[in-house]
C-alpha atoms as a PDB file:
ATOM      1  CA  MET A   1     -16.454 -22.788  25.965  1.00  0.00           C
ATOM      2  CA  ASP A   2     -18.690 -21.449  23.239  1.00  0.00           C
ATOM      3  CA  ARG A   3     -18.777 -22.412  19.579  1.00  0.00           C
ATOM      4  CA  ALA A   4     -16.304 -19.725  18.416  1.00  0.00           C
ATOM      5  CA  GLU A   5     -13.631 -20.818  20.905  1.00  0.00           C
ATOM      6  CA  TYR A   6     -14.164 -24.456  19.975  1.00  0.00           C
ATOM      7  CA  LEU A   7     -13.858 -23.728  16.240  1.00  0.00           C
ATOM      8  CA  LEU A   8     -10.808 -21.542  16.821  1.00  0.00           C
ATOM      9  CA  GLY A   9      -9.043 -24.207  18.868  1.00  0.00           C
ATOM     10  CA  LEU A  10      -9.910 -26.927  16.361  1.00  0.00           C
ATOM     11  CA  PHE A  11      -8.742 -24.807  13.432  1.00  0.00           C
ATOM     12  CA  PHE A  12      -5.401 -23.932  15.032  1.00  0.00           C
ATOM     13  CA  THR A  13      -4.851 -27.561  16.022  1.00  0.00           C
ATOM     14  CA  LEU A  14      -5.415 -28.677  12.436  1.00  0.00           C
ATOM     15  CA  VAL A  15      -3.128 -25.937  11.091  1.00  0.00           C
ATOM     16  CA  LEU A  16      -0.427 -26.878  13.592  1.00  0.00           C
ATOM     17  CA  LEU A  17      -0.653 -30.548  12.663  1.00  0.00           C
ATOM     18  CA  GLY A  18      -0.578 -29.612   8.993  1.00  0.00           C
ATOM     19  CA  CYS A  19       2.550 -27.496   9.514  1.00  0.00           C
ATOM     20  CA  LEU A  20       4.278 -30.341  11.291  1.00  0.00           C
ATOM     21  CA  PHE A  21       3.131 -32.829   8.643  1.00  0.00           C
ATOM     22  CA  VAL A  22       4.572 -30.833   5.737  1.00  0.00           C
ATOM     23  CA  GLU A  23       7.782 -30.266   7.717  1.00  0.00           C
ATOM     24  CA  GLU A  24       7.221 -26.552   8.245  1.00  0.00           C
ATOM     25  CA  ALA A  25       8.410 -26.765  11.839  1.00  0.00           C
ATOM     26  CA  LEU A  26       9.694 -23.195  11.739  1.00  0.00           C
ATOM     27  CA  LEU A  27       6.158 -22.032  10.971  1.00  0.00           C
ATOM     28  CA  ALA A  28       4.614 -24.046  13.806  1.00  0.00           C
ATOM     29  CA  ALA A  29       6.015 -21.801  16.553  1.00  0.00           C
ATOM     30  CA  PRO A  30       4.568 -18.542  15.147  1.00  0.00           C
ATOM     31  CA  VAL A  31       1.193 -20.259  14.641  1.00  0.00           C
ATOM     32  CA  VAL A  32       1.097 -21.375  18.277  1.00  0.00           C
ATOM     33  CA  LEU A  33       2.217 -17.963  19.507  1.00  0.00           C
ATOM     34  CA  LEU A  34      -0.368 -16.262  17.301  1.00  0.00           C
ATOM     35  CA  TYR A  35      -3.103 -18.476  18.688  1.00  0.00           C
ATOM     36  CA  ILE A  36      -2.089 -17.938  22.306  1.00  0.00           C
ATOM     37  CA  LEU A  37      -1.708 -14.199  21.882  1.00  0.00           C
ATOM     38  CA  LEU A  38      -4.809 -13.506  19.864  1.00  0.00           C
ATOM     39  CA  SER A  39      -7.118 -15.936  21.628  1.00  0.00           C
ATOM     40  CA  GLN A  40      -6.669 -13.858  24.782  1.00  0.00           C
ATOM     41  CA  LEU A  41      -7.805 -10.640  23.104  1.00  0.00           C
ATOM     42  CA  GLY A  42     -11.350  -9.691  23.957  1.00  0.00           C
ATOM     43  CA  GLY A  43     -12.041 -12.789  26.038  1.00  0.00           C
ATOM     44  CA  HIS A  44     -13.358 -10.825  28.986  1.00  0.00           C
ATOM     45  CA  GLY A  45     -16.929 -12.096  28.894  1.00  0.00           C
ATOM     46  CA  TRP A  46     -18.502  -8.903  27.588  1.00  0.00           C
ATOM     47  CA  GLU A  47     -18.335  -9.929  23.933  1.00  0.00           C
ATOM     48  CA  THR A  48     -21.441 -11.093  22.187  1.00  0.00           C
ATOM     49  CA  PRO A  49     -21.330 -14.463  20.388  1.00  0.00           C
ATOM     50  CA  ALA A  50     -21.301 -12.621  17.031  1.00  0.00           C
ATOM     51  CA  GLN A  51     -18.233 -10.616  18.074  1.00  0.00           C
ATOM     52  CA  ARG A  52     -16.474 -13.768  19.222  1.00  0.00           C
ATOM     53  CA  MET A  53     -17.258 -15.475  15.928  1.00  0.00           C
ATOM     54  CA  ARG A  54     -15.949 -12.462  13.981  1.00  0.00           C
ATOM     55  CA  ARG A  55     -12.746 -12.543  16.029  1.00  0.00           C
ATOM     56  CA  ALA A  56     -12.366 -16.277  15.489  1.00  0.00           C
ATOM     57  CA  SER A  57     -12.916 -15.982  11.743  1.00  0.00           C
ATOM     58  CA  SER A  58     -10.414 -13.147  11.450  1.00  0.00           C
ATOM     59  CA  LEU A  59      -7.851 -15.259  13.323  1.00  0.00           C
ATOM     60  CA  MET A  60      -8.509 -18.136  10.954  1.00  0.00           C
ATOM     61  CA  ILE A  61      -8.030 -15.898   7.914  1.00  0.00           C
ATOM     62  CA  LEU A  62      -4.806 -14.500   9.370  1.00  0.00           C
ATOM     63  CA  THR A  63      -3.521 -18.010   9.996  1.00  0.00           C
ATOM     64  CA  VAL A  64      -4.384 -19.146   6.476  1.00  0.00           C
ATOM     65  CA  LEU A  65      -2.477 -16.145   5.096  1.00  0.00           C
ATOM     66  CA  LEU A  66       0.457 -17.012   7.360  1.00  0.00           C
ATOM     67  CA  VAL A  67       0.536 -20.637   6.221  1.00  0.00           C
ATOM     68  CA  VAL A  68       0.024 -19.872   2.533  1.00  0.00           C
ATOM     69  CA  GLY A  69       2.649 -17.138   2.687  1.00  0.00           C
ATOM     70  CA  SER A  70       5.135 -19.589   4.171  1.00  0.00           C
ATOM     71  CA  PHE A  71       5.049 -21.733   1.075  1.00  0.00           C
ATOM     72  CA  PHE A  72       6.200 -18.752  -0.942  1.00  0.00           C
ATOM     73  CA  GLY A  73       8.821 -17.738   1.616  1.00  0.00           C
ATOM     74  CA  ALA A  74       7.096 -14.470   2.514  1.00  0.00           C
ATOM     75  CA  THR A  75       6.405 -15.497   6.087  1.00  0.00           C
ATOM     76  CA  LEU A  76       9.954 -16.667   6.645  1.00  0.00           C
ATOM     77  CA  VAL A  77      11.276 -13.372   5.319  1.00  0.00           C
ATOM     78  CA  LEU A  78       8.900 -11.447   7.588  1.00  0.00           C
ATOM     79  CA  PHE A  79       9.816 -13.659  10.543  1.00  0.00           C
ATOM     80  CA  SER A  80      13.521 -13.077   9.839  1.00  0.00           C
ATOM     81  CA  LEU A  81      12.996  -9.335   9.609  1.00  0.00           C
ATOM     82  CA  LEU A  82      11.107  -9.256  12.893  1.00  0.00           C
ATOM     83  CA  THR A  83      13.447 -11.537  14.853  1.00  0.00           C
ATOM     84  CA  GLY A  84      16.742 -11.278  12.963  1.00  0.00           C
ATOM     85  CA  TRP A  85      18.133  -8.721  15.385  1.00  0.00           C
ATOM     86  CA  VAL A  86      18.177 -11.268  18.225  1.00  0.00           C
ATOM     87  CA  PRO A  87      21.060 -13.391  16.851  1.00  0.00           C
ATOM     88  CA  PHE A  88      22.834 -10.210  15.752  1.00  0.00           C
ATOM     89  CA  PHE A  89      22.733  -8.840  19.295  1.00  0.00           C
ATOM     90  CA  ALA A  90      23.755 -12.219  20.700  1.00  0.00           C
ATOM     91  CA  ARG A  91      26.865 -12.126  18.477  1.00  0.00           C
ATOM     92  CA  THR A  92      27.841  -8.488  18.848  1.00  0.00           C
ATOM     93  CA  VAL A  93      26.957  -7.419  22.409  1.00  0.00           C
ATOM     94  CA  PRO A  94      29.686  -9.544  24.040  1.00  0.00           C
ATOM     95  CA  ARG A  95      32.283  -7.929  21.747  1.00  0.00           C
ATOM     96  CA  VAL A  96      31.222  -4.334  22.441  1.00  0.00           C
ATOM     97  CA  ARG A  97      33.715  -2.342  24.486  1.00  0.00           C
ATOM     98  CA  PHE A  98      32.865   1.101  25.833  1.00  0.00           C
ATOM     99  CA  ASP A  99      35.486   3.799  25.912  1.00  0.00           C
ATOM    100  CA  ALA A 100      34.749   6.210  28.761  1.00  0.00           C
ATOM    101  CA  ALA A 101      36.420   9.133  26.989  1.00  0.00           C
ATOM    102  CA  SER A 102      34.307   8.634  23.860  1.00  0.00           C
ATOM    103  CA  VAL A 103      31.095   8.367  25.873  1.00  0.00           C
ATOM    104  CA  ALA A 104      31.993  11.532  27.817  1.00  0.00           C
ATOM    105  CA  LEU A 105      32.818  13.347  24.569  1.00  0.00           C
ATOM    106  CA  GLY A 106      29.501  12.278  23.033  1.00  0.00           C
ATOM    107  CA  ILE A 107      27.521  13.416  26.071  1.00  0.00           C
ATOM    108  CA  GLY A 108      29.409  16.716  26.117  1.00  0.00           C
ATOM    109  CA  CYS A 109      28.745  17.325  22.417  1.00  0.00           C
ATOM    110  CA  LEU A 110      25.082  16.478  22.888  1.00  0.00           C
ATOM    111  CA  GLY A 111      24.891  18.942  25.790  1.00  0.00           C
ATOM    112  CA  LEU A 112      26.557  21.653  23.710  1.00  0.00           C
ATOM    113  CA  LEU A 113      24.155  20.965  20.856  1.00  0.00           C
ATOM    114  CA  ILE A 114      21.162  21.291  23.199  1.00  0.00           C
ATOM    115  CA  ALA A 115      22.521  24.520  24.702  1.00  0.00           C
ATOM    116  CA  GLY A 116      23.359  25.940  21.276  1.00  0.00           C
ATOM    117  CA  LEU A 117      19.947  25.102  19.852  1.00  0.00           C
ATOM    118  CA  GLN A 118      18.206  26.647  22.847  1.00  0.00           C
ATOM    119  CA  VAL A 119      20.227  29.877  22.674  1.00  0.00           C
ATOM    120  CA  PHE A 120      19.824  30.110  18.889  1.00  0.00           C
ATOM    121  CA  GLY A 121      16.092  29.452  19.107  1.00  0.00           C
ATOM    122  CA  LYS A 122      15.613  32.101  21.792  1.00  0.00           C
ATOM    123  CA  LYS A 123      17.665  34.612  19.790  1.00  0.00           C
ATOM    124  CA  VAL A 124      15.798  34.020  16.529  1.00  0.00           C
ATOM    125  CA  TRP A 125      12.262  33.226  17.656  1.00  0.00           C
ATOM    126  CA  SER A 126      11.643  35.017  20.934  1.00  0.00           C
ATOM    127  CA  ARG A 127      10.491  38.598  21.076  1.00  0.00           C
ATOM    128  CA  PRO A 128       9.097  40.704  23.898  1.00  0.00           C
ATOM    129  CA  PRO A 129       5.391  41.495  24.023  1.00  0.00           C
ATOM    130  CA  THR A 130       4.209  44.751  22.477  1.00  0.00           C
ATOM    131  CA  ASP A 131       0.863  46.504  22.332  1.00  0.00           C
ATOM    132  CA  ASP A 132       0.099  44.916  18.939  1.00  0.00           C
ATOM    133  CA  HIS A 133       1.451  41.375  19.468  1.00  0.00           C
ATOM    134  CA  PRO A 134       1.805  39.052  22.397  1.00  0.00           C
ATOM    135  CA  GLY A 135       5.374  37.996  23.014  1.00  0.00           C
ATOM    136  CA  ARG A 136       6.863  34.807  21.630  1.00  0.00           C
ATOM    137  CA  VAL A 137       9.035  32.514  23.688  1.00  0.00           C
ATOM    138  CA  TRP A 138      11.204  29.677  22.392  1.00  0.00           C
ATOM    139  CA  LYS A 139      10.266  26.492  24.268  1.00  0.00           C
ATOM    140  CA  LEU A 140      12.696  23.849  25.461  1.00  0.00           C
ATOM    141  CA  ARG A 141      10.344  21.239  24.017  1.00  0.00           C
ATOM    142  CA  TRP A 142      11.051  22.599  20.523  1.00  0.00           C
ATOM    143  CA  THR A 143      14.767  22.256  21.142  1.00  0.00           C
ATOM    144  CA  PHE A 144      14.366  18.594  22.060  1.00  0.00           C
ATOM    145  CA  ALA A 145      12.114  18.013  19.033  1.00  0.00           C
ATOM    146  CA  ILE A 146      14.817  19.396  16.728  1.00  0.00           C
ATOM    147  CA  LEU A 147      17.413  17.338  18.588  1.00  0.00           C
ATOM    148  CA  ALA A 148      15.347  14.180  18.074  1.00  0.00           C
ATOM    149  CA  VAL A 149      15.129  14.866  14.333  1.00  0.00           C
ATOM    150  CA  VAL A 150      18.892  15.454  14.132  1.00  0.00           C
ATOM    151  CA  VAL A 151      19.642  12.218  16.017  1.00  0.00           C
ATOM    152  CA  LEU A 152      17.245  10.241  13.789  1.00  0.00           C
ATOM    153  CA  LEU A 153      18.785  11.723  10.650  1.00  0.00           C
ATOM    154  CA  PHE A 154      22.258  10.885  11.952  1.00  0.00           C
ATOM    155  CA  GLY A 155      21.240   7.284  12.642  1.00  0.00           C
ATOM    156  CA  SER A 156      19.526   6.858   9.285  1.00  0.00           C
ATOM    157  CA  GLY A 157      22.577   8.302   7.539  1.00  0.00           C
ATOM    158  CA  LEU A 158      24.821   5.793   9.289  1.00  0.00           C
ATOM    159  CA  ALA A 159      22.442   2.986   8.338  1.00  0.00           C
ATOM    160  CA  ALA A 160      22.381   4.117   4.696  1.00  0.00           C
ATOM    161  CA  VAL A 161      26.171   4.210   4.551  1.00  0.00           C
ATOM    162  CA  GLY A 162      26.360   0.743   6.105  1.00  0.00           C
ATOM    163  CA  MET A 163      23.851  -0.667   3.617  1.00  0.00           C
ATOM    164  CA  MET A 164      25.694   0.944   0.743  1.00  0.00           C
ATOM    165  CA  GLN A 165      29.047  -0.478   1.825  1.00  0.00           C
ATOM    166  CA  THR A 166      27.535  -3.927   2.306  1.00  0.00           C
ATOM    167  CA  GLY A 167      25.819  -3.719  -1.065  1.00  0.00           C
ATOM    168  CA  MET A 168      28.995  -2.612  -2.791  1.00  0.00           C
ATOM    169  CA  SER A 169      31.041  -5.400  -1.255  1.00  0.00           C
ATOM    170  CA  VAL A 170      28.443  -7.973  -2.323  1.00  0.00           C
ATOM    171  CA  TRP A 171      28.399  -6.419  -5.799  1.00  0.00           C
ATOM    172  CA  GLU A 172      32.189  -6.628  -6.052  1.00  0.00           C
ATOM    173  CA  LEU A 173      32.171 -10.223  -4.851  1.00  0.00           C
ATOM    174  CA  ARG A 174      29.734 -11.095  -7.628  1.00  0.00           C
ATOM    175  CA  ARG A 175      32.097  -9.651 -10.208  1.00  0.00           C
ATOM    176  CA  LEU A 176      34.864 -12.039  -9.175  1.00  0.00           C
ATOM    177  CA  PRO A 177      35.177 -15.125 -11.358  1.00  0.00           C
END
């Protein structure tokens, strides 16, 4: 164990004890995970002592920012944003019911959209080679790229509508006496 590893371990131990002392138990778990994860990076023996010290000091700075941010609630908000989907999935996945007809309809519509995009792209873009120009061919990859954009826009539109409805219901609840 060299000096950088010793200082890093000592620093994280002190931060962990400090978190537990000031009753920031929720912050203690991310600090431990951060130490375990980041202490393994670059520890393959080919680092120079200066590189190890730089890595250790950057980990210490990151931890200080994490701890200081927790007192202002920023870390808890970030932690909730990063892990908030886990309880949501735990609540909603058992209640999800798949309708075979709807799934088949969705797959069929997606297939028709792919076929339609491919035919339209070939009709509009493709042209046979001439003496002046080489020919152009519509590629299937372009069809799937357009399809990916359409699916992402559809999903973001649904998310925007959901946020708007949630925001409006919260706004209306605030207006109640």
